[in-house]
Amino acid sequence: MLIPIRPLRVDPEKIAFQMCESGEQVTYAQLEARANQVAHLVSDLGILPGQHVAVLMNNCRELLELCFGLDRCGVYYTLISTRLTVDEIDYIVRDCEARLFVYAPTVEAVELGLLSQLPSTLQCMSLGAGDGQSAHGNWVFECAQKPTSPIAHALQGSDMLYSSGTTGRPKGVLWPLPKTAAGQQTMLVKLLAPLFGYDADSHYLSTAPLYHAAPLRHSMTVIKMGGTVTVMERFDALLALQTIERCRITHSQWVPTMFVRMLKLDPATRENFDLSSMKMAVHAAAPCPVDVKEKMMDWWGPIVHEYYAGTENNGFCSITPTEWLAHKGSVGRASQGKLHICDEEGVPLEVGQVGAVYFSEGPQFTYHNDPGATAQTRNALGWTTLGDIGHLDEEGYLYLVDRKAFMIISGGVNIYPQEIENVLLQHPKVMDAAVVGVPNSDWGEEVKAVIQPMHASDVSPALADELKAFCRTKLADFKCPRSIDFDLELPRLPTGKLYKKLVKQRYWPQ
């Protein structure tokens, strides 16, 4: 017998999740019934345990219902970013070897002809009618025809999400399927629920697209623990504050760029909200500039927690507000796995030395269909790395420096863009910043900053000179940008990660 989604003693009429803008609400009873209908449809379509389902849609009610249904089919489900191009989506669908593709017809890539490029043997189903794909079934309609009772022999499924591809082709992160009956606590639930206090009293605000690892996994964990989730269809700084006040949010998750956007709202506006219901605000995905986090703590109080992990989940670090105030700039100590800093050869370094961040004794992962990329994440001891650079202090706290792939080497000196970007973000006329290495005939590379201004009218040679001078007051000369360009919107993912390879490609011969 399938263990239901809702934990014992949770009122079936309690709201499991709701959509922020549309106002749609789904009770635990409705989620249970609709997830069972999804499972029946997937089974009837001939999708077997261990096979793959690909999903392409923005945040909507049906997306979470779909994930909970797939979670009890013993299949892998791959949620794909709707911001990707036709070719990038086609690559992921083929690479994950999807047997079924469920899509929203309004996604731009679908409108640009994605469906005609996909394998002809792939089963496709549309989230809604009216997309002109008469050969494709209507997912919502077909689900509604299925039984609301559990399927026989339901097995635990798992996501297989793709890395963001900020430095190369995205890679599918594959964990072994649990091979247990659906509905039992997974490794992620056992990790996240006690760490962040998710329980039946939690009301969690999900601020980012669910096709990314953290929003999906945290949202599903809160629901599995009997809490309520409010999902933002899109992030908006003012709407987020309104939602916290209106819904009495207790837990929320953010990325540093969201903090920056909220902090740059008019002070009289942002300080007018009652945020007293908030017990914990968690941030991750990218290093948070120290001054930004200090301002958030001044505003929200000591409730801002942080963690460091990847989609691969090979290890996990976390840090409380109290710990952070004593170790400013750190992303915490290991909550899962054991931390190590290693040199280019994977050999451990002494405390305080900068090198690649490795984890041992954590969950093992592989990259789907890519044994070469998998091997590159391991050293001779079997420890795993995601390519981040950092150092440890005497107490085992990790400080991230940057991504290895983003490091600038100028005249033989290593320069880490993250440090420069953090300084630039302190300037009141800067909304966002990307720092990259560009060709220099004498030094190999030189530092260039690309700035997203607060206001388009601020763009001028005078502002470029002002920003260079600002950097020189806070950074060594060799780290300061030699040139500055402006861009009205930098290609930053909703997870907060800068799609830096797109910025860098502008300046390097192809």
Protein backbone atom coordinates (compact mmCIF):
# COMPACT_ATOMS: atom_id res chain seq x y z
CA MET A 1 0.00 0.00 0.00
CA LEU A 2 1.37 3.41 -0.96
CA ILE A 3 2.26 5.71 1.90
CA PRO A 4 0.31 8.93 1.21
CA ILE A 5 1.94 12.28 0.52
CA ARG A 6 0.47 13.84 3.63
CA PRO A 7 2.07 12.78 6.92
CA LEU A 8 -0.08 11.24 9.62
CA ARG A 9 -2.57 13.56 11.37
CA VAL A 10 -2.31 16.31 8.75
CA ASP A 11 -5.74 17.62 7.86
CA PRO A 12 -6.45 16.52 4.26
CA GLU A 13 -8.11 19.90 3.70
CA LYS A 14 -4.97 21.80 4.74
CA ILE A 15 -3.31 23.74 1.92
CA ALA A 16 -0.26 21.85 0.67
CA PHE A 17 0.78 24.60 -1.73
CA GLN A 18 -0.55 27.69 -3.44
CA MET A 19 0.50 29.88 -6.34
CA CYS A 20 1.41 33.43 -5.45
CA GLU A 21 -0.11 35.40 -8.33
CA SER A 22 -2.87 33.15 -9.65
CA GLY A 23 -4.05 32.34 -6.12
CA GLU A 24 -4.62 28.66 -6.98
CA GLN A 25 -4.61 26.46 -3.88
CA VAL A 26 -4.10 22.70 -3.63
CA THR A 27 -5.05 20.80 -0.49
CA TYR A 28 -3.26 17.68 0.70
CA ALA A 29 -6.25 15.60 -0.40
CA GLN A 30 -6.20 17.15 -3.88
CA LEU A 31 -2.44 16.70 -4.20
CA GLU A 32 -2.77 13.05 -3.17
CA ALA A 33 -5.47 12.41 -5.75
CA ARG A 34 -3.76 14.28 -8.60
CA ALA A 35 -0.37 12.71 -7.93
CA ASN A 36 -2.03 9.29 -8.14
CA GLN A 37 -3.62 10.27 -11.46
CA VAL A 38 -0.21 11.31 -12.78
CA ALA A 39 1.24 7.98 -11.71
CA HIS A 40 -1.54 6.05 -13.43
CA LEU A 41 -1.10 8.00 -16.67
CA VAL A 42 2.66 7.54 -16.70
CA SER A 43 2.24 3.83 -16.08
CA ASP A 44 -0.40 3.50 -18.79
CA LEU A 45 1.94 5.26 -21.25
CA GLY A 46 4.40 2.41 -20.75
CA ILE A 47 7.04 4.36 -18.83
CA LEU A 48 8.86 1.81 -16.67
CA PRO A 49 10.71 2.26 -13.36
CA GLY A 50 14.22 3.51 -14.00
CA GLN A 51 13.27 5.31 -17.22
CA HIS A 52 13.25 9.06 -17.71
CA VAL A 53 10.59 11.76 -18.09
CA ALA A 54 11.52 15.29 -19.23
CA VAL A 55 9.44 18.32 -18.24
CA LEU A 56 9.50 21.84 -19.69
CA MET A 57 7.27 24.40 -17.99
CA ASN A 58 7.41 27.47 -15.79
CA ASN A 59 6.13 27.54 -12.22
CA CYS A 60 2.50 26.49 -12.17
CA ARG A 61 0.15 24.31 -10.17
CA GLU A 62 0.49 21.35 -12.53
CA LEU A 63 4.28 21.27 -12.23
CA LEU A 64 4.36 20.34 -8.54
CA GLU A 65 1.51 17.86 -8.99
CA LEU A 66 3.47 16.28 -11.82
CA CYS A 67 6.62 15.98 -9.70
CA PHE A 68 4.79 14.35 -6.80
CA GLY A 69 3.21 11.89 -9.23
CA LEU A 70 6.52 11.02 -10.89
CA ASP A 71 8.04 10.68 -7.43
CA ARG A 72 5.90 7.58 -6.93
CA CYS A 73 6.53 5.94 -10.31
CA GLY A 74 10.10 4.82 -9.73
CA VAL A 75 11.26 7.02 -12.63
CA TYR A 76 13.79 9.80 -13.07
CA TYR A 77 12.29 13.22 -13.80
CA THR A 78 14.30 15.96 -15.47
CA LEU A 79 12.93 19.48 -15.17
CA ILE A 80 14.42 21.72 -17.87
CA SER A 81 15.01 25.45 -17.69
CA THR A 82 12.58 27.36 -19.89
CA ARG A 83 15.29 29.96 -20.52
CA LEU A 84 17.36 27.57 -22.62
CA THR A 85 17.51 27.66 -26.39
CA VAL A 86 15.90 25.13 -28.71
CA ASP A 87 19.23 23.37 -29.25
CA GLU A 88 20.06 23.27 -25.52
CA ILE A 89 16.67 21.77 -24.64
CA ASP A 90 16.90 19.27 -27.49
CA TYR A 91 20.33 18.21 -26.19
CA ILE A 92 19.02 17.59 -22.65
CA VAL A 93 15.94 15.67 -23.81
CA ARG A 94 18.14 13.40 -25.93
CA ASP A 95 20.91 13.10 -23.36
CA CYS A 96 18.58 12.07 -20.52
CA GLU A 97 17.03 9.49 -22.89
CA ALA A 98 13.53 10.68 -22.05
CA ARG A 99 10.69 8.33 -22.89
CA LEU A 100 8.10 11.04 -22.24
CA PHE A 101 8.23 14.82 -22.70
CA VAL A 102 5.61 17.00 -20.96
CA TYR A 103 5.67 20.65 -21.96
CA ALA A 104 3.84 23.94 -21.67
CA PRO A 105 2.92 25.30 -25.12
CA THR A 106 3.67 28.87 -24.05
CA VAL A 107 7.40 28.28 -23.47
CA GLU A 108 9.39 30.31 -25.97
CA ALA A 109 11.43 27.35 -27.26
CA VAL A 110 8.20 25.49 -28.11
CA GLU A 111 6.95 28.51 -30.02
CA LEU A 112 10.29 28.62 -31.87
CA GLY A 113 9.93 25.06 -33.22
CA LEU A 114 11.42 22.83 -30.52
CA LEU A 115 8.90 20.03 -31.07
CA SER A 116 9.86 19.53 -34.72
CA GLN A 117 13.48 19.01 -33.66
CA LEU A 118 12.87 16.37 -31.00
CA PRO A 119 13.16 12.63 -31.79
CA SER A 120 10.12 11.40 -33.71
CA THR A 121 9.85 8.38 -31.40
CA LEU A 122 9.49 10.52 -28.26
CA GLN A 123 6.07 10.55 -26.60
CA CYS A 124 5.02 14.19 -26.12
CA MET A 125 2.14 15.63 -24.13
CA SER A 126 1.09 19.26 -23.86
CA LEU A 127 0.07 21.00 -20.64
CA GLY A 128 -2.73 22.76 -22.48
CA ALA A 129 -4.69 22.78 -25.68
CA GLY A 130 -4.37 25.27 -28.49
CA ASP A 131 -0.71 24.71 -29.37
CA GLY A 132 -1.43 23.27 -32.79
CA GLN A 133 0.16 19.91 -31.94
CA SER A 134 -2.81 17.68 -32.71
CA ALA A 135 -0.69 14.54 -32.41
CA HIS A 136 0.07 15.31 -28.77
CA GLY A 137 -2.28 14.48 -25.95
CA ASN A 138 -3.52 17.05 -23.46
CA TRP A 139 -1.74 16.23 -20.20
CA VAL A 140 -4.28 17.85 -17.88
CA PHE A 141 -7.25 16.23 -19.63
CA GLU A 142 -5.68 12.77 -19.72
CA CYS A 143 -4.69 12.92 -16.04
CA ALA A 144 -8.21 13.86 -15.05
CA GLN A 145 -9.53 10.61 -16.60
CA LYS A 146 -7.35 8.40 -14.39
CA PRO A 147 -8.17 6.86 -11.00
CA THR A 148 -7.32 8.83 -7.86
CA SER A 149 -6.31 5.66 -6.00
CA PRO A 150 -2.62 4.70 -5.69
CA ILE A 151 -0.98 2.61 -8.42
CA ALA A 152 0.07 -0.91 -7.55
CA HIS A 153 3.69 -1.43 -6.47
CA ALA A 154 4.57 2.27 -6.41
CA LEU A 155 8.32 2.87 -6.21
CA GLN A 156 10.24 5.94 -5.10
CA GLY A 157 11.36 8.10 -7.99
CA SER A 158 14.07 10.77 -8.11
CA ASP A 159 14.90 13.96 -9.93
CA MET A 160 17.79 13.93 -12.39
CA LEU A 161 18.47 17.61 -12.87
CA TYR A 162 21.09 19.17 -15.08
CA SER A 163 23.86 21.47 -13.92
CA SER A 164 23.34 25.07 -15.00
CA GLY A 165 25.95 24.86 -17.74
CA THR A 166 27.49 28.23 -16.80
CA THR A 167 30.94 26.94 -17.80
CA GLY A 168 30.12 24.32 -20.45
CA ARG A 169 27.47 21.86 -21.56
CA PRO A 170 24.97 21.03 -18.79
CA LYS A 171 25.43 17.62 -17.19
CA GLY A 172 22.72 15.36 -15.78
CA VAL A 173 23.29 14.58 -12.10
CA LEU A 174 22.42 10.94 -11.54
CA TRP A 175 21.90 9.31 -8.16
CA PRO A 176 20.97 5.65 -7.80
CA LEU A 177 17.23 5.18 -7.39
CA PRO A 178 16.30 4.26 -3.78
CA LYS A 179 14.59 0.97 -4.79
CA THR A 180 12.09 1.44 -1.97
CA ALA A 181 8.33 1.87 -1.85
CA ALA A 182 7.21 5.40 -2.68
CA GLY A 183 6.44 7.78 0.15
CA GLN A 184 9.27 6.86 2.50
CA GLN A 185 11.64 9.57 3.68
CA THR A 186 14.41 10.15 1.16
CA MET A 187 17.98 11.22 1.84
CA LEU A 188 17.05 14.82 0.98
CA VAL A 189 14.14 14.94 3.42
CA LYS A 190 16.31 13.51 6.18
CA LEU A 191 18.96 16.17 5.48
CA LEU A 192 16.87 19.28 4.87
CA ALA A 193 13.98 18.94 7.34
CA PRO A 194 16.02 18.90 10.57
CA LEU A 195 18.65 21.33 9.25
CA PHE A 196 16.15 24.08 8.44
CA GLY A 197 13.34 23.19 10.82
CA TYR A 198 10.76 22.23 8.18
CA ASP A 199 7.65 20.79 9.84
CA ALA A 200 3.86 20.96 9.75
CA ASP A 201 3.92 24.54 11.05
CA SER A 202 6.21 25.80 8.28
CA HIS A 203 4.93 28.14 5.58
CA TYR A 204 7.68 28.25 2.98
CA LEU A 205 8.07 30.87 0.25
CA SER A 206 9.66 29.51 -2.93
CA THR A 207 11.01 32.49 -4.85
CA ALA A 208 12.72 30.86 -7.85
CA PRO A 209 11.86 28.51 -10.74
CA LEU A 210 11.11 24.96 -9.64
CA TYR A 211 13.18 23.54 -12.48
CA HIS A 212 16.23 24.32 -10.35
CA ALA A 213 17.38 21.95 -7.61
CA ALA A 214 16.96 24.00 -4.44
CA PRO A 215 13.44 25.39 -5.07
CA LEU A 216 12.15 21.98 -6.13
CA ARG A 217 13.77 19.93 -3.39
CA HIS A 218 13.00 22.32 -0.53
CA SER A 219 9.39 22.81 -1.66
CA MET A 220 8.78 19.07 -1.88
CA THR A 221 10.45 18.51 1.49
CA VAL A 222 8.23 21.08 3.24
CA ILE A 223 5.11 19.45 1.77
CA LYS A 224 6.30 15.98 2.72
CA MET A 225 6.72 17.28 6.29
CA GLY A 226 3.13 18.55 6.34
CA GLY A 227 3.82 22.26 5.86
CA THR A 228 2.52 24.73 3.28
CA VAL A 229 4.41 26.19 0.31
CA THR A 230 3.69 29.43 -1.54
CA VAL A 231 5.25 29.40 -5.01
CA MET A 232 6.07 32.63 -6.81
CA GLU A 233 5.44 32.34 -10.55
CA ARG A 234 8.26 34.86 -11.05
CA PHE A 235 10.48 36.78 -8.66
CA ASP A 236 9.64 40.39 -7.96
CA ALA A 237 11.22 42.15 -4.99
CA LEU A 238 8.14 44.11 -3.97
CA LEU A 239 5.78 41.16 -4.48
CA ALA A 240 8.03 38.95 -2.34
CA LEU A 241 7.75 41.35 0.61
CA GLN A 242 4.00 41.67 0.12
CA THR A 243 3.68 37.88 0.10
CA ILE A 244 5.66 37.43 3.31
CA GLU A 245 3.35 39.86 5.06
CA ARG A 246 0.10 38.58 3.51
CA CYS A 247 0.78 34.84 3.93
CA ARG A 248 2.68 35.08 7.23
CA ILE A 249 5.63 33.23 5.73
CA THR A 250 7.88 31.48 8.27
CA HIS A 251 10.61 30.08 5.99
CA SER A 252 11.96 31.35 2.69
CA GLN A 253 14.82 30.82 0.29
CA TRP A 254 16.76 33.41 -1.67
CA VAL A 255 19.84 34.04 -3.76
CA PRO A 256 22.13 37.06 -3.24
CA THR A 257 20.86 38.92 -6.30
CA MET A 258 17.37 38.86 -4.77
CA PHE A 259 18.77 40.43 -1.61
CA VAL A 260 20.43 43.14 -3.71
CA ARG A 261 17.18 43.90 -5.53
CA MET A 262 15.20 44.13 -2.30
CA LEU A 263 17.83 46.31 -0.64
CA LYS A 264 17.76 48.71 -3.58
CA LEU A 265 14.03 49.30 -3.21
CA ASP A 266 13.18 52.68 -1.76
CA PRO A 267 13.88 52.37 2.02
CA ALA A 268 10.54 53.88 2.94
CA THR A 269 8.83 51.20 0.84
CA ARG A 270 10.73 48.12 1.93
CA GLU A 271 10.75 48.98 5.63
CA ASN A 272 6.98 49.41 5.65
CA PHE A 273 6.24 45.65 5.63
CA ASP A 274 5.50 43.46 8.63
CA LEU A 275 7.97 40.59 8.27
CA SER A 276 7.73 39.42 11.88
CA SER A 277 6.39 35.97 10.92
CA MET A 278 9.76 35.05 9.37
CA LYS A 279 11.70 32.53 11.43
CA MET A 280 14.33 31.63 8.85
CA ALA A 281 15.53 33.09 5.57
CA VAL A 282 17.91 30.75 3.79
CA HIS A 283 20.20 31.75 0.95
CA ALA A 284 22.54 29.81 -1.30
CA ALA A 285 23.53 29.25 -4.98
CA ALA A 286 26.19 31.98 -5.13
CA PRO A 287 28.49 33.65 -2.59
CA CYS A 288 26.82 36.60 -0.88
CA PRO A 289 28.87 39.79 -0.53
CA VAL A 290 29.55 40.45 3.15
CA ASP A 291 28.11 43.96 3.09
CA VAL A 292 24.89 42.70 1.46
CA LYS A 293 24.40 40.07 4.14
CA GLU A 294 25.17 42.58 6.89
CA LYS A 295 22.44 44.87 5.53
CA MET A 296 19.97 41.97 5.37
CA MET A 297 20.75 41.04 8.98
CA ASP A 298 20.27 44.68 10.04
CA TRP A 299 16.89 44.67 8.29
CA TRP A 300 15.54 41.17 9.03
CA GLY A 301 17.42 40.38 12.21
CA PRO A 302 19.50 37.25 12.99
CA ILE A 303 17.38 34.86 10.93
CA VAL A 304 19.50 34.75 7.75
CA HIS A 305 20.98 31.28 7.31
CA GLU A 306 23.23 30.12 4.48
CA TYR A 307 24.28 26.87 2.89
CA TYR A 308 26.65 25.71 0.19
CA ALA A 309 25.87 22.70 -1.98
CA GLY A 310 25.43 21.78 -5.62
CA THR A 311 22.82 19.95 -7.66
CA GLU A 312 25.20 17.00 -7.24
CA ASN A 313 24.71 17.10 -3.44
CA ASN A 314 28.10 15.44 -2.93
CA GLY A 315 28.46 17.42 0.28
CA PHE A 316 26.66 20.14 2.19
CA CYS A 317 27.82 23.10 4.29
CA SER A 318 25.63 25.33 6.43
CA ILE A 319 26.07 28.29 8.74
CA THR A 320 23.74 29.94 11.23
CA PRO A 321 23.46 33.74 11.66
CA THR A 322 25.36 33.60 14.95
CA GLU A 323 28.16 31.56 13.39
CA TRP A 324 28.34 33.88 10.40
CA LEU A 325 28.73 36.98 12.55
CA ALA A 326 31.81 35.31 14.03
CA HIS A 327 33.04 34.06 10.63
CA LYS A 328 31.91 36.71 8.16
CA GLY A 329 32.17 35.59 4.56
CA SER A 330 32.08 31.88 5.37
CA VAL A 331 29.50 29.50 3.89
CA GLY A 332 29.78 27.24 6.93
CA ARG A 333 31.05 23.88 8.04
CA ALA A 334 30.17 20.48 6.62
CA SER A 335 26.70 19.23 7.55
CA GLN A 336 27.06 16.29 5.18
CA GLY A 337 30.37 14.79 4.12
CA LYS A 338 33.83 15.98 5.15
CA LEU A 339 35.56 19.07 3.71
CA HIS A 340 39.03 19.19 2.15
CA ILE A 341 41.02 21.77 0.18
CA CYS A 342 43.30 20.31 -2.50
CA ASP A 343 45.79 21.54 -5.07
CA GLU A 344 45.62 21.11 -8.86
CA GLU A 345 46.64 17.45 -8.50
CA GLY A 346 43.99 16.70 -5.87
CA VAL A 347 46.53 16.61 -3.03
CA PRO A 348 45.29 17.99 0.33
CA LEU A 349 46.54 21.46 1.36
CA GLU A 350 47.15 22.97 4.77
CA VAL A 351 44.57 25.07 6.62
CA GLY A 352 44.33 28.57 5.16
CA GLN A 353 45.68 27.68 1.73
CA VAL A 354 43.49 28.34 -1.31
CA GLY A 355 42.59 25.40 -3.53
CA ALA A 356 39.78 23.27 -4.92
CA VAL A 357 36.95 22.37 -2.52
CA TYR A 358 36.52 18.59 -2.13
CA PHE A 359 34.15 16.45 -0.11
CA SER A 360 34.71 12.93 1.18
CA GLU A 361 32.21 10.61 2.88
CA GLY A 362 29.27 12.22 1.07
CA PRO A 363 26.68 10.80 -1.35
CA GLN A 364 28.11 9.53 -4.61
CA PHE A 365 26.85 10.82 -7.94
CA THR A 366 27.69 10.36 -11.60
CA TYR A 367 27.08 12.53 -14.64
CA HIS A 368 24.63 10.76 -16.91
CA ASN A 369 26.28 9.47 -20.09
CA ASP A 370 29.53 11.28 -19.26
CA PRO A 371 32.11 9.10 -17.48
CA GLY A 372 34.86 11.56 -18.50
CA ALA A 373 33.21 14.48 -16.72
CA THR A 374 32.48 12.23 -13.74
CA ALA A 375 36.14 11.19 -13.50
CA GLN A 376 37.24 14.86 -13.52
CA THR A 377 35.34 15.43 -10.28
CA ARG A 378 37.34 12.76 -8.41
CA ASN A 379 40.86 12.78 -7.02
CA ALA A 380 42.98 9.69 -6.31
CA LEU A 381 41.34 9.32 -2.89
CA GLY A 382 37.84 9.25 -4.40
CA TRP A 383 36.92 12.67 -3.02
CA THR A 384 34.65 14.78 -5.21
CA THR A 385 34.74 18.44 -6.29
CA LEU A 386 32.37 20.73 -8.19
CA GLY A 387 35.17 23.05 -9.30
CA ASP A 388 34.80 25.72 -6.61
CA ILE A 389 37.87 27.40 -5.11
CA GLY A 390 38.14 28.23 -1.41
CA HIS A 391 39.98 27.82 1.87
CA LEU A 392 39.27 26.57 5.41
CA ASP A 393 40.00 28.27 8.70
CA GLU A 394 41.22 26.57 11.87
CA GLU A 395 37.65 25.76 12.94
CA GLY A 396 36.72 24.11 9.67
CA TYR A 397 34.68 26.97 8.21
CA LEU A 398 34.75 27.20 4.42
CA TYR A 399 35.32 30.47 2.56
CA LEU A 400 34.61 30.36 -1.16
CA VAL A 401 36.83 32.38 -3.49
CA ASP A 402 35.36 31.66 -6.93
CA ARG A 403 34.81 29.04 -9.59
CA LYS A 404 38.03 27.61 -10.97
CA ALA A 405 36.72 28.11 -14.51
CA PHE A 406 36.22 31.86 -13.89
CA MET A 407 39.70 32.57 -12.51
CA ILE A 408 41.68 35.22 -14.43
CA ILE A 409 45.41 34.69 -14.89
CA SER A 410 47.10 38.00 -15.66
CA GLY A 411 50.89 38.05 -15.91
CA GLY A 412 50.98 34.76 -14.02
CA VAL A 413 48.92 36.12 -11.11
CA ASN A 414 45.61 34.49 -10.15
CA ILE A 415 42.70 36.96 -9.89
CA TYR A 416 39.28 35.89 -8.62
CA PRO A 417 36.37 37.81 -10.23
CA GLN A 418 33.96 37.22 -7.35
CA GLU A 419 35.98 39.48 -5.07
CA ILE A 420 35.86 42.32 -7.60
CA GLU A 421 32.15 41.81 -8.31
CA ASN A 422 31.39 42.02 -4.59
CA VAL A 423 33.13 45.40 -4.42
CA LEU A 424 31.33 46.76 -7.48
CA LEU A 425 27.94 45.73 -6.06
CA GLN A 426 28.55 48.07 -3.11
CA HIS A 427 28.34 51.09 -5.41
CA PRO A 428 24.89 52.71 -5.31
CA LYS A 429 24.70 53.05 -9.11
CA VAL A 430 25.39 49.34 -9.76
CA MET A 431 22.53 46.82 -9.98
CA ASP A 432 24.68 43.87 -11.09
CA ALA A 433 28.26 43.17 -12.15
CA ALA A 434 30.21 40.57 -14.10
CA VAL A 435 33.99 40.47 -14.13
CA VAL A 436 35.84 38.45 -16.77
CA GLY A 437 39.29 38.09 -18.19
CA VAL A 438 39.76 39.48 -21.70
CA PRO A 439 42.74 39.10 -24.07
CA ASN A 440 45.86 41.16 -23.39
CA SER A 441 48.89 40.76 -25.66
CA ASP A 442 51.37 41.42 -22.84
CA TRP A 443 49.72 39.85 -19.81
CA GLY A 444 47.63 37.10 -21.39
CA GLU A 445 44.44 38.41 -19.73
CA GLU A 446 43.30 41.64 -18.17
CA VAL A 447 40.34 42.42 -15.93
CA LYS A 448 37.15 43.75 -17.50
CA ALA A 449 33.93 44.60 -15.66
CA VAL A 450 30.52 44.55 -17.33
CA ILE A 451 28.04 46.59 -15.30
CA GLN A 452 24.25 46.53 -15.18
CA PRO A 453 23.42 50.04 -13.94
CA MET A 454 20.62 50.94 -11.57
CA HIS A 455 19.27 53.27 -14.25
CA ALA A 456 20.00 53.33 -17.99
CA SER A 457 20.51 57.08 -17.76
CA ASP A 458 23.53 56.51 -15.50
CA VAL A 459 25.58 54.96 -18.32
CA SER A 460 28.48 57.24 -19.24
CA PRO A 461 32.29 57.34 -19.46
CA ALA A 462 32.17 59.35 -16.25
CA LEU A 463 30.49 56.46 -14.40
CA ALA A 464 33.08 54.03 -15.76
CA ASP A 465 35.85 56.25 -14.37
CA GLU A 466 33.98 56.57 -11.07
CA LEU A 467 33.71 52.80 -10.72
CA LYS A 468 37.39 52.27 -11.50
CA ALA A 469 38.31 54.81 -8.83
CA PHE A 470 35.88 53.14 -6.39
CA CYS A 471 37.60 49.78 -6.93
CA ARG A 472 41.03 51.30 -6.33
CA THR A 473 39.93 52.37 -2.85
CA LYS A 474 39.10 48.78 -1.90
CA LEU A 475 41.28 46.47 -4.03
CA ALA A 476 44.90 46.01 -4.96
CA ASP A 477 45.70 47.71 -8.26
CA PHE A 478 46.25 44.46 -10.19
CA LYS A 479 42.69 43.34 -9.34
CA CYS A 480 40.98 46.55 -10.50
CA PRO A 481 39.15 46.58 -13.86
CA ARG A 482 41.20 48.02 -16.71
CA SER A 483 38.03 48.67 -18.70
CA ILE A 484 34.31 48.81 -18.00
CA ASP A 485 31.39 48.13 -20.32
CA PHE A 486 27.68 48.49 -19.62
CA ASP A 487 24.79 46.10 -20.21
CA LEU A 488 21.19 46.88 -19.30
CA GLU A 489 20.62 43.26 -18.22
CA LEU A 490 23.28 40.69 -17.40
CA PRO A 491 22.55 37.01 -18.19
CA ARG A 492 22.04 35.82 -14.62
CA LEU A 493 20.05 32.64 -13.99
CA PRO A 494 17.12 32.68 -11.55
CA THR A 495 19.30 30.63 -9.19
CA GLY A 496 21.56 33.66 -8.86
CA LYS A 497 24.35 32.16 -10.93
CA LEU A 498 25.86 34.41 -13.55
CA TYR A 499 25.86 32.86 -17.02
CA LYS A 500 29.40 34.11 -17.32
CA LYS A 501 30.42 32.16 -20.37
CA LEU A 502 28.00 34.28 -22.41
CA VAL A 503 29.62 37.45 -21.10
CA LYS A 504 33.13 36.16 -21.74
CA GLN A 505 32.32 34.99 -25.27
CA ARG A 506 31.82 38.59 -26.32
CA TYR A 507 35.50 39.33 -25.88
CA TRP A 508 37.26 36.16 -27.05
CA PRO A 509 37.60 35.09 -30.70
CA GLN A 510 35.31 32.18 -31.49
